[in-house]
Amino acid sequence: MHRLLLLGCLWLLAAPPASSIFQRPTGTPAPPRLQYLLEPLHPTVHTQRGATATLPCVLRALPRNYRVKWSKVEPANYRENIIIITNGLYHKNYGPLSPRVRLRHSHRYDASLTITDVALEDEGRYRCQLVNGLEDESVSLTLHLEGVVFPYQPSNGRYKFNYHEAKRACEQQDSRLATYQQLYKAWTEGLDWCNAGWILDGTVHYPIINSREPCGGRLLLPGVRTYGARDKQKDRFDAFCFTSALQGQVYFIRGHLSFKEAGQACRNHGAALAKVGQLYSAWKFSQLDRCDGGWLADGSVRYPITTPRERCGGLPDPGVRSFGFPSKEMRTYGTYCFVGK
């Protein structure tokens, strides 16, 4: 009996109170309470390429001799790149974002950052820091671009890119290497691809919806499979690219054209051969739907399907279908052209 009572007392001493589930572990300092900066209502700002986006940063009071510093957090190299510094009266812009940023300053307590003509590389985490001697404080916000992720490989086959070549290849197709968050979101929306590809942080992954033997085996659960960080110079894989809304239009010209004739047909209309990223963007944001294969700028032939049907490849899901890289002399296909606004 005494032993049971002793065990019960030990259990009570060892068991945390119910409220401790919501308490910070002992020894972990609580983050300092913001005194001057207001917590943002929505820490993520959603936008598209070409739009104007504002990241909110509002003060509840103006301390003496303060400054507000905006910076962009670059997780790949653990750096913060300064964008703008203000003391409420004057400001100075820094870095490549300089021509496209300004302070909203809708009232004297407003230090919000406005980015015009949002670019693909603008996505990421931003920090608004109040510099006030020993009482510095900051808020973090995320700029999220709505877009689409697509796998990409060159005409000479799969697994040909080192990291730097993959990065350059995406940029040449009006896109950039996808982040892990973008790839993960694309997987949740149905991206299923067996070839591994580079992403922006230098790691390699592939997203699987339907487990199968050539893609890690049937017993592995669906998910974003990872090879981890790889040698950016020596290791070779495909690329996962990300693009967002277009500042222009993609359209199709019917015909039986060689690659050279396709380019000339676009130029005759004051346009250029569409890039792969531009075709994906038109499919995603403009619901471009054609059953006709057409040349693109990289020499590939593709066509966008938003409403799957039997006579257009027979696949059950929407997507951009590919005929690969046929001979450029072949006169079988039309062409997809792009004209900017």
Foldseek 3Di string as FASTA:
>chain_A
DVVVVVVVVVVVVPDDPPVCVPPDDPPDDDPDDDDWWDADPAQEWEDFAQAKTKHWIFTPDQDPPKKKWKWFQDVLVRDTHTAKMDNLPDMDGDDPQNVFWDAPCPDSRTRMIMGGRDAQVVFHKMKIWMGDPPNIDIYMGTYHYDWAKDWDDAQVDWFPAFQVRQQVVLVVQQWGFADPVRVQVNLVVPAADQWWAAGDSQWIWGFHDQADDSRPHNPDHGGIGTPGHDDRPPGTGITITIHTAAQWDKDWDWFQAFLVVQQVVQVVVVWGFHGPRNQRNCCVPVVAADLFWAAHPSQWTKGWHCCDDCVSPHDHHGDIGTPRRDHSRGRHGITMTIDGD
